[in-house]
Amino acid sequence: MRSEIDPAGARCPASGGMLLPSSEDKYDLSIVIVNYKAKALLKECLDSIYQSTTNLHFDTWLIDNASRDDTAQWVRENFPEVKLIENRWNSGFSKAVNQGIGKSQGKYLLLLNPDTKMADDGMDQILKFMEENPEVGICGPKMIDGKGNLLYSCRSFPNYFTSISSSQSLLNRFFPQNPLSKRYLLKGLDRTEVREVDWVSGSCLFARRKMLEEIGLLDENYFMFCEDVDLCLRAKKGGWKVFYFPLLTIVHQIGGSTSFNPLRAKLEHHRSMYYFFKKHYRPNQILRFLVFSGLLLRLLLLSFSFILPKPSKKG
């Protein structure tokens, strides 16, 4: 079953978020980090930035989404060069990112999770690549977890089978070589080479300001999750290219910024997935019902791991 993408509104704010006003580039790069109760990981993230960007003229924006702890004061004392925005309530990832982008003045933007850290000093290489290839609007690096395992940080655009074939699906867990999961997760991709892909993870996403000025900022209807897929799809519709760039490696401690309420995170993920399908695809009522049912079933299955009691450890 082939998915049909709605081509309407590629360059209109209605297809994404607010338009970004044009501004003079004061920095090579502006780094935007949204924090919510991730102080324990934030120090490693910020340390790695300042240790690996010695050749760049950049600024860093930290948007604290009402963590209600001492994170903001701690940042002021330990990283006074970081520009801080304190929200009174958790406005969601997309809206907070847009706040930072709107204040920034970098020619390029880096959207970075607080549960990530630079594993090498390849950041200048990824910016050089984008500078030499003006058609590239978005780049994403190679990602590994804390144990060094490769993460599927670039993927194909989702279709109606994604709810049963994603990385967390039962199909992928029990039959990892099934064709649906291999297609979506790009399991056959040579991840040592620079490649054009459909989308890259927003955990560490480099974006060209000029592109954002054309297609708009992140869609704030996504509270969290899927805003990166949406942004990359809008970039493609607008004539921009998205690349995977493995010459920069990022360590991502997955869930570090959502572990305080994992069940809420699962709910938001699936809500965002449904919104993405409604926004970009044109399913008939039967297909819409099947997508909703598949996502709901997957959410219920994943939720059991939080609801059912864990077995006790004896001895």
Protein backbone atom coordinates (compact mmCIF):
# COMPACT_ATOMS: atom_id res chain seq x y z
CA MET A 1 0.00 0.00 0.00
CA ARG A 2 1.60 3.23 -1.16
CA SER A 3 1.24 6.37 0.95
CA GLU A 4 0.26 9.60 -0.79
CA ILE A 5 1.87 12.78 0.47
CA ASP A 6 -0.16 15.97 0.34
CA PRO A 7 1.91 18.50 -1.69
CA ALA A 8 -0.11 21.54 -0.66
CA GLY A 9 1.37 24.42 1.29
CA ALA A 10 5.06 23.56 1.01
CA ARG A 11 6.26 27.09 1.75
CA CYS A 12 3.36 28.37 3.84
CA PRO A 13 3.48 28.79 7.64
CA ALA A 14 0.26 26.78 7.79
CA SER A 15 2.30 23.73 6.77
CA GLY A 16 4.74 24.29 9.60
CA GLY A 17 5.31 26.83 12.32
CA MET A 18 5.75 30.58 12.42
CA LEU A 19 7.87 32.21 9.78
CA LEU A 20 11.34 33.25 10.91
CA PRO A 21 12.10 36.93 10.18
CA SER A 22 15.28 37.55 8.22
CA SER A 23 18.25 38.75 10.28
CA GLU A 24 21.91 39.48 9.81
CA ASP A 25 24.12 36.54 10.77
CA LYS A 26 26.18 37.50 13.79
CA TYR A 27 27.50 34.00 14.50
CA ASP A 28 28.55 30.94 12.52
CA LEU A 29 26.29 28.80 14.66
CA SER A 30 23.59 29.20 17.28
CA ILE A 31 23.03 26.18 19.53
CA VAL A 32 19.52 25.78 20.97
CA ILE A 33 18.96 23.39 23.89
CA VAL A 34 15.60 22.76 25.53
CA ASN A 35 15.89 21.49 29.09
CA TYR A 36 13.28 19.86 31.30
CA LYS A 37 14.59 18.29 34.50
CA ALA A 38 17.75 17.02 32.81
CA LYS A 39 20.29 18.87 34.94
CA ALA A 40 22.21 15.66 35.72
CA LEU A 41 23.10 15.31 32.01
CA LEU A 42 23.32 18.98 31.11
CA LYS A 43 26.87 19.51 32.42
CA GLU A 44 28.29 16.82 30.11
CA CYS A 45 26.37 18.30 27.20
CA LEU A 46 27.60 21.86 27.75
CA ASP A 47 31.17 20.78 28.55
CA SER A 48 31.36 18.82 25.29
CA ILE A 49 30.10 21.82 23.31
CA TYR A 50 32.77 24.19 24.60
CA GLN A 51 35.50 21.58 24.24
CA SER A 52 34.66 20.80 20.59
CA THR A 53 33.80 24.21 19.12
CA THR A 54 37.05 26.10 19.62
CA ASN A 55 37.25 27.14 15.94
CA LEU A 56 33.67 28.40 15.66
CA HIS A 57 32.09 31.74 16.46
CA PHE A 58 28.90 30.58 18.15
CA ASP A 59 26.41 31.27 20.90
CA THR A 60 24.33 28.91 23.03
CA TRP A 61 20.70 29.33 24.06
CA LEU A 62 19.21 27.25 26.85
CA ILE A 63 15.44 27.27 27.24
CA ASP A 64 14.39 25.80 30.58
CA ASN A 65 10.82 24.54 30.37
CA ALA A 66 9.82 25.07 34.01
CA SER A 67 12.06 22.37 35.49
CA ARG A 68 11.24 23.82 38.94
CA ASP A 69 14.67 23.03 40.31
CA ASP A 70 17.92 24.99 40.53
CA THR A 71 18.96 24.34 36.91
CA ALA A 72 18.72 27.99 35.82
CA GLN A 73 20.79 29.27 38.73
CA TRP A 74 23.31 26.47 38.25
CA VAL A 75 23.73 27.43 34.57
CA ARG A 76 24.24 31.10 35.48
CA GLU A 77 26.97 30.20 37.95
CA ASN A 78 28.77 27.54 35.92
CA PHE A 79 28.16 28.58 32.30
CA PRO A 80 27.67 32.37 32.33
CA GLU A 81 28.22 32.53 28.56
CA VAL A 82 25.00 30.56 27.98
CA LYS A 83 21.99 32.73 27.15
CA LEU A 84 19.11 31.59 29.32
CA ILE A 85 15.35 31.69 28.77
CA GLU A 86 13.20 30.56 31.70
CA ASN A 87 9.63 29.51 30.93
CA ARG A 88 7.03 29.57 33.67
CA TRP A 89 5.40 26.41 32.35
CA ASN A 90 6.38 23.51 30.13
CA SER A 91 5.44 24.89 26.73
CA GLY A 92 6.57 21.80 24.83
CA PHE A 93 9.73 21.11 22.84
CA SER A 94 8.74 22.74 19.54
CA LYS A 95 7.56 26.00 21.06
CA ALA A 96 10.65 26.26 23.27
CA VAL A 97 12.97 25.59 20.32
CA ASN A 98 11.21 28.32 18.35
CA GLN A 99 11.81 30.73 21.23
CA GLY A 100 15.54 30.07 21.04
CA ILE A 101 15.69 30.24 17.25
CA GLY A 102 13.80 33.53 17.29
CA LYS A 103 16.38 35.08 19.62
CA SER A 104 19.45 33.60 17.89
CA GLN A 105 21.56 35.17 15.15
CA GLY A 106 23.58 32.25 13.80
CA LYS A 107 23.82 31.48 10.08
CA TYR A 108 23.26 27.85 11.08
CA LEU A 109 21.21 26.43 13.95
CA LEU A 110 21.94 23.34 16.01
CA LEU A 111 18.98 21.83 17.85
CA LEU A 112 20.50 19.74 20.62
CA ASN A 113 19.03 17.60 23.38
CA PRO A 114 20.49 17.97 26.88
CA ASP A 115 20.99 14.18 27.04
CA THR A 116 23.56 14.31 24.23
CA LYS A 117 27.26 15.08 24.10
CA MET A 118 29.84 15.53 21.37
CA ALA A 119 32.04 12.47 20.96
CA ASP A 120 34.54 14.25 18.68
CA ASP A 121 35.35 17.67 17.23
CA GLY A 122 33.68 17.22 13.85
CA MET A 123 31.22 20.08 14.22
CA ASP A 124 33.25 22.40 12.01
CA GLN A 125 33.25 19.70 9.30
CA ILE A 126 29.48 19.46 9.17
CA LEU A 127 29.19 23.26 8.83
CA LYS A 128 31.86 23.27 6.13
CA PHE A 129 29.88 20.61 4.26
CA MET A 130 26.70 22.71 4.45
CA GLU A 131 28.60 25.83 3.41
CA GLU A 132 29.98 24.04 0.34
CA ASN A 133 26.59 22.56 -0.55
CA PRO A 134 24.03 25.41 -0.45
CA GLU A 135 21.15 23.11 -1.41
CA VAL A 136 21.51 21.25 1.92
CA GLY A 137 19.06 22.60 4.47
CA ILE A 138 19.41 19.99 7.23
CA CYS A 139 22.19 17.69 8.44
CA GLY A 140 22.29 15.08 11.17
CA PRO A 141 25.37 13.33 12.63
CA LYS A 142 26.06 9.72 13.46
CA MET A 143 24.61 8.79 16.85
CA ILE A 144 25.60 6.12 19.34
CA ASP A 145 24.23 5.27 22.77
CA GLY A 146 26.20 5.34 26.01
CA LYS A 147 27.55 1.85 25.30
CA GLY A 148 28.75 2.71 21.81
CA ASN A 149 25.92 0.99 19.95
CA LEU A 150 24.83 2.59 16.69
CA LEU A 151 21.45 4.34 16.77
CA TYR A 152 19.06 4.63 13.81
CA SER A 153 19.27 8.43 13.72
CA CYS A 154 18.31 8.73 10.03
CA ARG A 155 15.30 7.00 8.55
CA SER A 156 12.79 6.87 5.71
CA PHE A 157 9.61 8.87 5.97
CA PRO A 158 6.93 6.89 7.81
CA ASN A 159 4.06 5.23 6.00
CA TYR A 160 0.94 3.37 7.15
CA PHE A 161 3.00 0.37 8.27
CA THR A 162 5.37 2.33 10.50
CA SER A 163 3.28 1.79 13.65
CA ILE A 164 3.98 -1.95 13.43
CA SER A 165 7.56 -1.79 12.12
CA SER A 166 9.39 1.00 14.00
CA SER A 167 12.39 0.38 16.26
CA GLN A 168 10.16 -0.15 19.31
CA SER A 169 7.64 -2.40 17.55
CA LEU A 170 7.17 -6.07 18.41
CA LEU A 171 7.76 -6.91 14.74
CA ASN A 172 11.22 -5.34 14.84
CA ARG A 173 12.08 -6.84 18.23
CA PHE A 174 11.22 -10.42 17.25
CA PHE A 175 11.97 -10.22 13.51
CA PRO A 176 14.62 -7.49 13.13
CA GLN A 177 15.34 -8.36 9.49
CA ASN A 178 11.75 -8.00 8.30
CA PRO A 179 11.47 -5.83 5.16
CA LEU A 180 9.18 -3.22 6.74
CA SER A 181 11.58 -2.39 9.57
CA LYS A 182 14.59 -2.54 7.26
CA ARG A 183 12.98 0.01 4.94
CA TYR A 184 11.87 2.44 7.64
CA LEU A 185 15.04 2.25 9.78
CA LEU A 186 17.39 2.16 6.74
CA LYS A 187 19.12 -0.89 8.15
CA GLY A 188 20.95 -1.52 4.89
CA LEU A 189 22.44 1.98 4.75
CA ASP A 190 26.23 2.33 4.88
CA ARG A 191 26.45 4.62 7.91
CA THR A 192 30.11 5.42 7.34
CA GLU A 193 29.31 7.51 4.26
CA VAL A 194 27.72 10.94 3.86
CA ARG A 195 24.28 10.25 2.40
CA GLU A 196 21.09 12.05 1.44
CA VAL A 197 18.21 10.68 3.52
CA ASP A 198 14.55 11.46 4.23
CA TRP A 199 14.90 12.68 7.82
CA VAL A 200 17.34 12.87 10.71
CA SER A 201 16.78 12.92 14.45
CA GLY A 202 16.00 16.23 16.15
CA SER A 203 18.16 15.17 19.10
CA CYS A 204 21.04 16.75 17.18
CA LEU A 205 19.91 18.53 14.04
CA PHE A 206 21.80 21.20 12.08
CA ALA A 207 19.57 23.57 10.09
CA ARG A 208 20.29 26.42 7.71
CA ARG A 209 18.69 29.69 8.83
CA LYS A 210 17.84 30.61 5.24
CA MET A 211 15.81 27.42 4.95
CA LEU A 212 13.88 28.18 8.15
CA GLU A 213 13.17 31.68 6.86
CA GLU A 214 11.50 30.06 3.84
CA ILE A 215 9.61 27.05 5.25
CA GLY A 216 8.91 28.27 8.79
CA LEU A 217 9.95 27.10 12.23
CA LEU A 218 8.95 23.94 14.06
CA ASP A 219 5.24 23.15 14.11
CA GLU A 220 4.11 23.91 17.66
CA ASN A 221 1.22 21.45 17.40
CA TYR A 222 3.83 18.82 18.25
CA PHE A 223 4.34 19.04 22.00
CA MET A 224 7.26 16.65 21.66
CA PHE A 225 8.31 13.99 19.12
CA CYS A 226 7.85 13.91 15.31
CA GLU A 227 8.59 17.61 14.90
CA ASP A 228 11.90 16.56 13.32
CA VAL A 229 10.17 14.30 10.76
CA ASP A 230 7.75 17.13 9.99
CA LEU A 231 10.54 19.69 9.55
CA CYS A 232 12.52 17.43 7.20
CA LEU A 233 9.44 16.66 5.12
CA ARG A 234 8.63 20.37 4.78
CA ALA A 235 12.27 21.02 3.85
CA LYS A 236 12.04 18.41 1.08
CA LYS A 237 8.79 19.91 -0.20
CA GLY A 238 10.51 23.29 -0.25
CA GLY A 239 13.32 22.00 -2.48
CA TRP A 240 15.97 21.52 0.25
CA LYS A 241 18.06 18.40 0.87
CA VAL A 242 18.55 16.46 4.10
CA PHE A 243 21.85 14.68 4.75
CA TYR A 244 23.28 12.15 7.18
CA PHE A 245 26.83 13.20 8.11
CA PRO A 246 28.74 10.50 10.05
CA LEU A 247 32.01 12.46 10.29
CA LEU A 248 30.53 13.95 13.47
CA THR A 249 29.53 11.51 16.23
CA ILE A 250 27.11 12.27 19.05
CA VAL A 251 26.47 10.20 22.17
CA HIS A 252 22.74 10.15 22.95
CA GLN A 253 21.57 8.82 26.29
CA ILE A 254 18.07 8.14 25.01
CA GLY A 255 15.26 9.14 27.33
CA GLY A 256 17.41 11.29 29.57
CA SER A 257 15.17 14.29 28.98
CA THR A 258 11.86 12.35 29.19
CA SER A 259 12.58 9.75 31.89
CA PHE A 260 10.75 11.69 34.61
CA ASN A 261 7.39 10.68 33.09
CA PRO A 262 7.98 7.88 30.57
CA LEU A 263 4.30 7.00 30.22
CA ARG A 264 3.44 10.61 29.32
CA ALA A 265 6.30 10.53 26.81
CA LYS A 266 4.83 7.44 25.12
CA LEU A 267 1.41 9.09 24.95
CA GLU A 268 2.82 12.28 23.40
CA HIS A 269 4.86 10.27 20.91
CA HIS A 270 1.81 8.46 19.61
CA ARG A 271 -0.35 11.59 19.60
CA SER A 272 2.32 13.31 17.50
CA MET A 273 2.53 10.38 15.11
CA TYR A 274 -1.22 10.54 14.51
CA TYR A 275 -1.09 14.30 13.96
CA PHE A 276 1.75 13.84 11.44
CA PHE A 277 -0.29 11.36 9.39
CA LYS A 278 -3.37 13.60 9.46
CA LYS A 279 -1.32 16.62 8.41
CA HIS A 280 0.81 15.24 5.60
CA TYR A 281 -1.13 12.27 4.17
CA ARG A 282 -4.58 11.95 2.68
CA PRO A 283 -6.01 8.73 4.05
CA ASN A 284 -9.62 7.78 3.53
CA GLN A 285 -11.71 7.05 6.61
CA ILE A 286 -10.81 3.35 6.62
CA LEU A 287 -7.06 4.04 6.45
CA ARG A 288 -7.35 6.75 9.09
CA PHE A 289 -9.10 4.29 11.40
CA LEU A 290 -6.43 1.65 10.76
CA VAL A 291 -3.61 4.11 11.50
CA PHE A 292 -5.32 5.24 14.70
CA SER A 293 -6.00 1.63 15.77
CA GLY A 294 -2.44 0.55 15.05
CA LEU A 295 -0.96 3.42 17.02
CA LEU A 296 -3.37 2.85 19.90
CA LEU A 297 -2.57 -0.86 20.04
CA ARG A 298 1.17 -0.16 20.03
CA LEU A 299 0.76 2.41 22.79
CA LEU A 300 -1.16 -0.08 24.94
CA LEU A 301 1.44 -2.79 24.41
CA LEU A 302 4.33 -0.44 25.26
CA SER A 303 2.47 0.85 28.32
CA PHE A 304 2.28 -2.62 29.86
CA SER A 305 5.98 -2.43 30.74
CA PHE A 306 5.18 0.51 33.06
CA ILE A 307 1.91 -0.83 34.48
CA LEU A 308 2.77 -4.46 35.18
CA PRO A 309 4.82 -5.11 38.36
CA LYS A 310 8.45 -5.95 37.77
CA PRO A 311 9.56 -9.40 39.01
CA SER A 312 11.39 -9.34 42.31
CA LYS A 313 15.08 -10.17 42.38
CA LYS A 314 15.98 -12.89 44.86
CA GLY A 315 19.37 -13.92 46.11
